[in-house]
């Protein structure tokens, strides 16, 4: 594993990829960790949609900065209504 892949998190990967593609990310720091508030102008809460990350097909269960990932993991960010708010 390369040195820059040590302690790779969902959030650090998002920041890295956003920087490469000139995508704006806004986030806030909380006791539980970092909350991604918007990506490229799409803000949490619009039409009940929120940014959520998925790793290997499973929705995140901790904040993105606390989820350690491996280089082989598939990470996705989705802007959608959270499962608990769907009817």
PDB file of N, CA and C in Angstrom:
ATOM      1  N   UNK A   1       0.849  -1.177   0.000  1.00  0.00           N
ATOM      2  CA  UNK A   1       0.000   0.000   0.000  1.00  0.00           C
ATOM      3  C   UNK A   1       0.896   1.242   0.000  1.00  0.00           C
ATOM      4  N   UNK A   2       0.590   2.178  -0.878  1.00  0.00           N
ATOM      5  CA  UNK A   2       1.361   3.417  -0.939  1.00  0.00           C
ATOM      6  C   UNK A   2       1.110   4.261   0.306  1.00  0.00           C
ATOM      7  N   UNK A   3       2.074   5.113   0.607  1.00  0.00           N
ATOM      8  CA  UNK A   3       1.976   5.965   1.789  1.00  0.00           C
ATOM      9  C   UNK A   3       0.733   6.852   1.751  1.00  0.00           C
ATOM     10  N   UNK A   4       0.376   7.383   0.561  1.00  0.00           N
ATOM     11  CA  UNK A   4      -0.786   8.265   0.459  1.00  0.00           C
ATOM     12  C   UNK A   4      -2.108   7.513   0.557  1.00  0.00           C
ATOM     13  N   UNK A   5      -2.046   6.183   0.588  1.00  0.00           N
ATOM     14  CA  UNK A   5      -3.263   5.389   0.727  1.00  0.00           C
ATOM     15  C   UNK A   5      -3.482   4.918   2.159  1.00  0.00           C
ATOM     16  N   UNK A   6      -2.515   5.189   3.036  1.00  0.00           N
ATOM     17  CA  UNK A   6      -2.678   4.851   4.444  1.00  0.00           C
ATOM     18  C   UNK A   6      -3.740   5.756   5.039  1.00  0.00           C
ATOM     19  N   UNK A   7      -4.604   5.215   5.863  1.00  0.00           N
ATOM     20  CA  UNK A   7      -5.674   5.977   6.503  1.00  0.00           C
ATOM     21  C   UNK A   7      -6.552   6.706   5.486  1.00  0.00           C
ATOM     22  N   UNK A   8      -6.739   6.092   4.335  1.00  0.00           N
ATOM     23  CA  UNK A   8      -7.633   6.642   3.320  1.00  0.00           C
ATOM     24  C   UNK A   8      -9.068   6.540   3.825  1.00  0.00           C
ATOM     25  N   UNK A   9      -9.785   7.651   3.772  1.00  0.00           N
ATOM     26  CA  UNK A   9     -11.182   7.645   4.206  1.00  0.00           C
ATOM     27  C   UNK A   9     -12.072   8.029   3.032  1.00  0.00           C
ATOM     28  N   UNK A  10     -13.355   7.803   3.192  1.00  0.00           N
ATOM     29  CA  UNK A  10     -14.319   8.199   2.173  1.00  0.00           C
ATOM     30  C   UNK A  10     -14.208   9.702   1.921  1.00  0.00           C
ATOM     31  N   UNK A  11     -14.065  10.485   2.981  1.00  0.00           N
ATOM     32  CA  UNK A  11     -13.981  11.934   2.823  1.00  0.00           C
ATOM     33  C   UNK A  11     -12.673  12.369   2.161  1.00  0.00           C
ATOM     34  N   UNK A  12     -11.560  11.767   2.559  1.00  0.00           N
ATOM     35  CA  UNK A  12     -10.289  12.159   1.938  1.00  0.00           C
ATOM     36  C   UNK A  12     -10.279  11.808   0.455  1.00  0.00           C
ATOM     37  N   UNK A  13     -10.890  10.706   0.083  1.00  0.00           N
ATOM     38  CA  UNK A  13     -11.002  10.341  -1.325  1.00  0.00           C
ATOM     39  C   UNK A  13     -11.886  11.347  -2.071  1.00  0.00           C
ATOM     40  N   UNK A  14     -13.005  11.734  -1.459  1.00  0.00           N
ATOM     41  CA  UNK A  14     -13.884  12.726  -2.070  1.00  0.00           C
ATOM     42  C   UNK A  14     -13.128  14.034  -2.309  1.00  0.00           C
ATOM     43  N   UNK A  15     -12.393  14.496  -1.308  1.00  0.00           N
ATOM     44  CA  UNK A  15     -11.626  15.739  -1.451  1.00  0.00           C
ATOM     45  C   UNK A  15     -10.591  15.621  -2.565  1.00  0.00           C
ATOM     46  N   UNK A  16      -9.908  14.504  -2.601  1.00  0.00           N
ATOM     47  CA  UNK A  16      -8.880  14.292  -3.623  1.00  0.00           C
ATOM     48  C   UNK A  16      -9.494  14.317  -5.022  1.00  0.00           C
ATOM     49  N   UNK A  17     -10.569  13.588  -5.217  1.00  0.00           N
ATOM     50  CA  UNK A  17     -11.200  13.512  -6.533  1.00  0.00           C
ATOM     51  C   UNK A  17     -11.843  14.843  -6.919  1.00  0.00           C
ATOM     52  N   UNK A  18     -12.445  15.520  -5.959  1.00  0.00           N
ATOM     53  CA  UNK A  18     -13.059  16.824  -6.234  1.00  0.00           C
ATOM     54  C   UNK A  18     -12.003  17.840  -6.650  1.00  0.00           C
ATOM     55  N   UNK A  19     -10.836  17.795  -6.007  1.00  0.00           N
ATOM     56  CA  UNK A  19      -9.749  18.689  -6.368  1.00  0.00           C
ATOM     57  C   UNK A  19      -9.265  18.451  -7.786  1.00  0.00           C
ATOM     58  N   UNK A  20      -9.184  17.192  -8.171  1.00  0.00           N
ATOM     59  CA  UNK A  20      -8.742  16.853  -9.526  1.00  0.00           C
ATOM     60  C   UNK A  20      -9.743  17.302 -10.588  1.00  0.00           C
ATOM     61  N   UNK A  21     -11.023  17.329 -10.221  1.00  0.00           N
ATOM     62  CA  UNK A  21     -12.076  17.648 -11.195  1.00  0.00           C
ATOM     63  C   UNK A  21     -12.677  19.044 -10.995  1.00  0.00           C
ATOM     64  N   UNK A  22     -12.061  19.821 -10.086  1.00  0.00           N
ATOM     65  CA  UNK A  22     -12.522  21.186  -9.808  1.00  0.00           C
ATOM     66  C   UNK A  22     -13.997  21.216  -9.380  1.00  0.00           C
ATOM     67  N   UNK A  23     -14.350  20.332  -8.468  1.00  0.00           N
ATOM     68  CA  UNK A  23     -15.714  20.244  -7.936  1.00  0.00           C
ATOM     69  C   UNK A  23     -15.707  20.837  -6.530  1.00  0.00           C
ATOM     70  N   UNK A  24     -16.666  21.708  -6.265  1.00  0.00           N
ATOM     71  CA  UNK A  24     -16.751  22.370  -4.960  1.00  0.00           C
ATOM     72  C   UNK A  24     -17.463  21.482  -3.945  1.00  0.00           C
ATOM     73  N   UNK A  25     -16.858  21.380  -2.763  1.00  0.00           N
ATOM     74  CA  UNK A  25     -17.450  20.622  -1.653  1.00  0.00           C
ATOM     75  C   UNK A  25     -17.586  21.567  -0.463  1.00  0.00           C
ATOM     76  N   UNK A  26     -18.741  21.540   0.172  1.00  0.00           N
ATOM     77  CA  UNK A  26     -18.937  22.268   1.425  1.00  0.00           C
ATOM     78  C   UNK A  26     -19.278  21.258   2.500  1.00  0.00           C
ATOM     79  N   UNK A  27     -18.635  21.414   3.650  1.00  0.00           N
ATOM     80  CA  UNK A  27     -18.872  20.476   4.754  1.00  0.00           C
ATOM     81  C   UNK A  27     -18.798  21.218   6.080  1.00  0.00           C
ATOM     82  N   UNK A  28     -19.322  20.585   7.108  1.00  0.00           N
ATOM     83  CA  UNK A  28     -19.260  21.124   8.460  1.00  0.00           C
ATOM     84  C   UNK A  28     -18.707  20.062   9.391  1.00  0.00           C
ATOM     85  N   UNK A  29     -18.007  20.524  10.419  1.00  0.00           N
ATOM     86  CA  UNK A  29     -17.434  19.624  11.419  1.00  0.00           C
ATOM     87  C   UNK A  29     -18.392  19.532  12.606  1.00  0.00           C
ATOM     88  N   UNK A  30     -18.657  18.324  13.057  1.00  0.00           N
ATOM     89  CA  UNK A  30     -19.537  18.069  14.199  1.00  0.00           C
ATOM     90  C   UNK A  30     -18.826  17.108  15.151  1.00  0.00           C
ATOM     91  N   UNK A  31     -19.408  16.886  16.322  1.00  0.00           N
ATOM     92  CA  UNK A  31     -18.841  15.920  17.268  1.00  0.00           C
ATOM     93  C   UNK A  31     -18.735  14.529  16.654  1.00  0.00           C
ATOM     94  N   UNK A  32     -19.682  14.171  15.817  1.00  0.00           N
ATOM     95  CA  UNK A  32     -19.699  12.843  15.210  1.00  0.00           C
ATOM     96  C   UNK A  32     -18.775  12.742  14.001  1.00  0.00           C
ATOM     97  N   UNK A  33     -18.274  13.876  13.510  1.00  0.00           N
ATOM     98  CA  UNK A  33     -17.385  13.874  12.344  1.00  0.00           C
ATOM     99  C   UNK A  33     -17.815  14.909  11.328  1.00  0.00           C
ATOM    100  N   UNK A  34     -17.336  14.753  10.131  1.00  0.00           N
ATOM    101  CA  UNK A  34     -17.627  15.704   9.053  1.00  0.00           C
ATOM    102  C   UNK A  34     -18.920  15.333   8.349  1.00  0.00           C
ATOM    103  N   UNK A  35     -19.735  16.359   8.100  1.00  0.00           N
ATOM    104  CA  UNK A  35     -20.970  16.189   7.335  1.00  0.00           C
ATOM    105  C   UNK A  35     -20.804  16.939   6.026  1.00  0.00           C
ATOM    106  N   UNK A  36     -20.927  16.234   4.922  1.00  0.00           N
ATOM    107  CA  UNK A  36     -20.881  16.873   3.604  1.00  0.00           C
ATOM    108  C   UNK A  36     -22.218  17.559   3.391  1.00  0.00           C
ATOM    109  N   UNK A  37     -22.188  18.883   3.239  1.00  0.00           N
ATOM    110  CA  UNK A  37     -23.407  19.694   3.098  1.00  0.00           C
ATOM    111  C   UNK A  37     -23.811  19.890   1.641  1.00  0.00           C
ATOM    112  N   UNK A  38     -22.804  20.015   0.758  1.00  0.00           N
ATOM    113  CA  UNK A  38     -23.118  20.173  -0.667  1.00  0.00           C
ATOM    114  C   UNK A  38     -21.928  19.738  -1.511  1.00  0.00           C
ATOM    115  N   UNK A  39     -22.261  19.290  -2.715  1.00  0.00           N
ATOM    116  CA  UNK A  39     -21.262  18.943  -3.713  1.00  0.00           C
ATOM    117  C   UNK A  39     -21.692  19.598  -5.011  1.00  0.00           C
ATOM    118  N   UNK A  40     -20.800  20.440  -5.528  1.00  0.00           N
ATOM    119  CA  UNK A  40     -21.038  21.114  -6.801  1.00  0.00           C
ATOM    120  C   UNK A  40     -22.373  21.858  -6.843  1.00  0.00           C
ATOM    121  N   UNK A  41     -22.751  22.462  -5.714  1.00  0.00           N
ATOM    122  CA  UNK A  41     -23.968  23.266  -5.642  1.00  0.00           C
ATOM    123  C   UNK A  41     -25.227  22.505  -5.263  1.00  0.00           C
ATOM    124  N   UNK A  42     -25.169  21.192  -5.202  1.00  0.00           N
ATOM    125  CA  UNK A  42     -26.327  20.401  -4.792  1.00  0.00           C
ATOM    126  C   UNK A  42     -26.305  20.301  -3.271  1.00  0.00           C
ATOM    127  N   UNK A  43     -27.240  21.015  -2.613  1.00  0.00           N
ATOM    128  CA  UNK A  43     -27.233  21.148  -1.157  1.00  0.00           C
ATOM    129  C   UNK A  43     -28.198  20.182  -0.477  1.00  0.00           C
ATOM    130  N   UNK A  44     -27.755  19.660   0.668  1.00  0.00           N
ATOM    131  CA  UNK A  44     -28.614  18.793   1.478  1.00  0.00           C
ATOM    132  C   UNK A  44     -29.947  19.463   1.746  1.00  0.00           C
ATOM    133  N   UNK A  45     -31.014  18.670   1.714  1.00  0.00           N
ATOM    134  CA  UNK A  45     -32.343  19.146   2.061  1.00  0.00           C
ATOM    135  C   UNK A  45     -33.216  19.498   0.876  1.00  0.00           C
ATOM    136  N   UNK A  46     -32.611  19.748  -0.276  1.00  0.00           N
ATOM    137  CA  UNK A  46     -33.406  20.086  -1.465  1.00  0.00           C
ATOM    138  C   UNK A  46     -34.215  18.857  -1.876  1.00  0.00           C
ATOM    139  N   UNK A  47     -35.533  19.043  -1.912  1.00  0.00           N
ATOM    140  CA  UNK A  47     -36.453  17.951  -2.267  1.00  0.00           C
ATOM    141  C   UNK A  47     -36.253  16.720  -1.378  1.00  0.00           C
ATOM    142  N   UNK A  48     -35.862  16.959  -0.119  1.00  0.00           N
ATOM    143  CA  UNK A  48     -35.616  15.875   0.848  1.00  0.00           C
ATOM    144  C   UNK A  48     -34.436  14.985   0.467  1.00  0.00           C
ATOM    145  N   UNK A  49     -33.560  15.480  -0.402  1.00  0.00           N
ATOM    146  CA  UNK A  49     -32.392  14.715  -0.812  1.00  0.00           C
ATOM    147  C   UNK A  49     -31.178  15.149   0.012  1.00  0.00           C
ATOM    148  N   UNK A  50     -30.333  14.170   0.303  1.00  0.00           N
ATOM    149  CA  UNK A  50     -29.136  14.407   1.094  1.00  0.00           C
ATOM    150  C   UNK A  50     -27.981  13.606   0.489  1.00  0.00           C
ATOM    151  N   UNK A  51     -26.766  14.112   0.694  1.00  0.00           N
ATOM    152  CA  UNK A  51     -25.586  13.381   0.243  1.00  0.00           C
ATOM    153  C   UNK A  51     -25.332  12.200   1.166  1.00  0.00           C
ATOM    154  N   UNK A  52     -25.173  11.034   0.568  1.00  0.00           N
ATOM    155  CA  UNK A  52     -24.901   9.801   1.291  1.00  0.00           C
ATOM    156  C   UNK A  52     -23.800   9.062   0.552  1.00  0.00           C
ATOM    157  N   UNK A  53     -22.936   8.431   1.303  1.00  0.00           N
ATOM    158  CA  UNK A  53     -21.915   7.628   0.632  1.00  0.00           C
ATOM    159  C   UNK A  53     -22.226   6.146   0.806  1.00  0.00           C
ATOM    160  N   UNK A  54     -21.740   5.390  -0.150  1.00  0.00           N
ATOM    161  CA  UNK A  54     -21.900   3.934  -0.169  1.00  0.00           C
ATOM    162  C   UNK A  54     -20.527   3.322  -0.422  1.00  0.00           C
ATOM    163  N   UNK A  55     -20.199   2.266   0.293  1.00  0.00           N
ATOM    164  CA  UNK A  55     -18.949   1.546   0.078  1.00  0.00           C
ATOM    165  C   UNK A  55     -19.301   0.097  -0.217  1.00  0.00           C
ATOM    166  N   UNK A  56     -18.888  -0.355  -1.374  1.00  0.00           N
ATOM    167  CA  UNK A  56     -19.155  -1.738  -1.813  1.00  0.00           C
ATOM    168  C   UNK A  56     -20.638  -2.084  -1.709  1.00  0.00           C
ATOM    169  N   UNK A  57     -21.490  -1.135  -2.099  1.00  0.00           N
ATOM    170  CA  UNK A  57     -22.930  -1.370  -2.146  1.00  0.00           C
ATOM    171  C   UNK A  57     -23.670  -1.205  -0.832  1.00  0.00           C
ATOM    172  N   UNK A  58     -22.978  -0.771   0.228  1.00  0.00           N
ATOM    173  CA  UNK A  58     -23.616  -0.589   1.537  1.00  0.00           C
ATOM    174  C   UNK A  58     -23.536   0.872   1.943  1.00  0.00           C
ATOM    175  N   UNK A  59     -24.674   1.392   2.418  1.00  0.00           N
ATOM    176  CA  UNK A  59     -24.711   2.788   2.850  1.00  0.00           C
ATOM    177  C   UNK A  59     -23.819   2.983   4.072  1.00  0.00           C
ATOM    178  N   UNK A  60     -23.197   4.164   4.162  1.00  0.00           N
ATOM    179  CA  UNK A  60     -22.295   4.458   5.267  1.00  0.00           C
ATOM    180  C   UNK A  60     -22.997   4.466   6.615  1.00  0.00           C
ATOM    181  N   UNK A  61     -22.276   4.016   7.641  1.00  0.00           N
ATOM    182  CA  UNK A  61     -22.843   3.978   8.989  1.00  0.00           C
ATOM    183  C   UNK A  61     -22.099   4.877   9.967  1.00  0.00           C
ATOM    184  N   UNK A  62     -21.074   5.577   9.486  1.00  0.00           N
ATOM    185  CA  UNK A  62     -20.330   6.563  10.266  1.00  0.00           C
ATOM    186  C   UNK A  62     -20.054   7.746   9.341  1.00  0.00           C
ATOM    187  N   UNK A  63     -19.585   8.845   9.904  1.00  0.00           N
ATOM    188  CA  UNK A  63     -19.286  10.002   9.059  1.00  0.00           C
ATOM    189  C   UNK A  63     -18.184   9.643   8.059  1.00  0.00           C
ATOM    190  N   UNK A  64     -18.174  10.342   6.940  1.00  0.00           N
ATOM    191  CA  UNK A  64     -17.269  10.012   5.836  1.00  0.00           C
ATOM    192  C   UNK A  64     -15.795  10.117   6.225  1.00  0.00           C
ATOM    193  N   UNK A  65     -15.470  10.992   7.164  1.00  0.00           N
ATOM    194  CA  UNK A  65     -14.068  11.141   7.566  1.00  0.00           C
ATOM    195  C   UNK A  65     -13.628  10.044   8.537  1.00  0.00           C
ATOM    196  N   UNK A  66     -14.553   9.238   8.997  1.00  0.00           N
ATOM    197  CA  UNK A  66     -14.221   8.160   9.931  1.00  0.00           C
ATOM    198  C   UNK A  66     -14.319   6.772   9.296  1.00  0.00           C
ATOM    199  N   UNK A  67     -14.742   6.742   8.045  1.00  0.00           N
ATOM    200  CA  UNK A  67     -14.856   5.457   7.349  1.00  0.00           C
ATOM    201  C   UNK A  67     -13.564   5.197   6.581  1.00  0.00           C
ATOM    202  N   UNK A  68     -12.748   4.280   7.104  1.00  0.00           N
ATOM    203  CA  UNK A  68     -11.492   3.899   6.469  1.00  0.00           C
ATOM    204  C   UNK A  68     -11.811   2.961   5.299  1.00  0.00           C
ATOM    205  N   UNK A  69     -11.154   3.216   4.176  1.00  0.00           N
ATOM    206  CA  UNK A  69     -11.385   2.375   3.001  1.00  0.00           C
ATOM    207  C   UNK A  69     -10.060   1.851   2.466  1.00  0.00           C
ATOM    208  N   UNK A  70     -10.178   0.815   1.635  1.00  0.00           N
ATOM    209  CA  UNK A  70      -9.019   0.227   0.957  1.00  0.00           C
ATOM    210  C   UNK A  70      -9.035   0.689  -0.501  1.00  0.00           C
ATOM    211  N   UNK A  71      -7.897   0.675  -1.159  1.00  0.00           N
ATOM    212  CA  UNK A  71      -7.854   1.088  -2.563  1.00  0.00           C
ATOM    213  C   UNK A  71      -8.775   0.280  -3.477  1.00  0.00           C
ATOM    214  N   UNK A  72      -9.116  -0.936  -3.072  1.00  0.00           N
ATOM    215  CA  UNK A  72      -9.978  -1.781  -3.902  1.00  0.00           C
ATOM    216  C   UNK A  72     -11.469  -1.570  -3.637  1.00  0.00           C
ATOM    217  N   UNK A  73     -11.830  -0.780  -2.624  1.00  0.00           N
ATOM    218  CA  UNK A  73     -13.244  -0.530  -2.314  1.00  0.00           C
ATOM    219  C   UNK A  73     -13.891   0.329  -3.392  1.00  0.00           C
ATOM    220  N   UNK A  74     -15.165   0.073  -3.643  1.00  0.00           N
ATOM    221  CA  UNK A  74     -15.938   0.897  -4.570  1.00  0.00           C
ATOM    222  C   UNK A  74     -16.721   1.916  -3.738  1.00  0.00           C
ATOM    223  N   UNK A  75     -16.407   3.197  -3.927  1.00  0.00           N
ATOM    224  CA  UNK A  75     -17.053   4.269  -3.169  1.00  0.00           C
ATOM    225  C   UNK A  75     -17.946   5.069  -4.105  1.00  0.00           C
ATOM    226  N   UNK A  76     -19.195   5.283  -3.675  1.00  0.00           N
ATOM    227  CA  UNK A  76     -20.144   6.082  -4.452  1.00  0.00           C
ATOM    228  C   UNK A  76     -20.751   7.147  -3.547  1.00  0.00           C
ATOM    229  N   UNK A  77     -20.985   8.323  -4.112  1.00  0.00           N
ATOM    230  CA  UNK A  77     -21.739   9.375  -3.431  1.00  0.00           C
ATOM    231  C   UNK A  77     -23.057   9.519  -4.169  1.00  0.00           C
ATOM    232  N   UNK A  78     -24.159   9.486  -3.417  1.00  0.00           N
ATOM    233  CA  UNK A  78     -25.484   9.600  -4.017  1.00  0.00           C
ATOM    234  C   UNK A  78     -26.225  10.768  -3.381  1.00  0.00           C
ATOM    235  N   UNK A  79     -26.927  11.518  -4.208  1.00  0.00           N
ATOM    236  CA  UNK A  79     -27.760  12.634  -3.749  1.00  0.00           C
ATOM    237  C   UNK A  79     -29.195  12.187  -3.926  1.00  0.00           C
ATOM    238  N   UNK A  80     -29.771  11.674  -2.840  1.00  0.00           N
ATOM    239  CA  UNK A  80     -31.116  11.095  -2.926  1.00  0.00           C
ATOM    240  C   UNK A  80     -31.799  11.130  -1.570  1.00  0.00           C
ATOM    241  N   UNK A  81     -33.068  10.791  -1.578  1.00  0.00           N
ATOM    242  CA  UNK A  81     -33.829  10.719  -0.336  1.00  0.00           C
ATOM    243  C   UNK A  81     -33.282   9.537   0.468  1.00  0.00           C
ATOM    244  N   UNK A  82     -32.902   9.771   1.732  1.00  0.00           N
ATOM    245  CA  UNK A  82     -32.364   8.675   2.552  1.00  0.00           C
ATOM    246  C   UNK A  82     -33.393   7.558   2.727  1.00  0.00           C
ATOM    247  N   UNK A  83     -32.918   6.336   2.865  1.00  0.00           N
ATOM    248  CA  UNK A  83     -33.842   5.195   3.011  1.00  0.00           C
ATOM    249  C   UNK A  83     -34.868   5.389   4.136  1.00  0.00           C
ATOM    250  N   UNK A  84     -34.438   6.005   5.244  1.00  0.00           N
ATOM    251  CA  UNK A  84     -35.371   6.164   6.372  1.00  0.00           C
ATOM    252  C   UNK A  84     -36.468   7.200   6.115  1.00  0.00           C
ATOM    253  N   UNK A  85     -36.331   8.017   5.066  1.00  0.00           N
ATOM    254  CA  UNK A  85     -37.370   9.006   4.730  1.00  0.00           C
ATOM    255  C   UNK A  85     -38.237   8.577   3.559  1.00  0.00           C
ATOM    256  N   UNK A  86     -37.911   7.452   2.952  1.00  0.00           N
ATOM    257  CA  UNK A  86     -38.707   6.964   1.820  1.00  0.00           C
ATOM    258  C   UNK A  86     -40.001   6.364   2.327  1.00  0.00           C
ATOM    259  N   UNK A  87     -41.021   6.474   1.519  1.00  0.00           N
ATOM    260  CA  UNK A  87     -42.333   5.921   1.907  1.00  0.00           C
ATOM    261  C   UNK A  87     -42.710   4.776   1.030  1.00  0.00           C
TER     262      UNK A  87
END
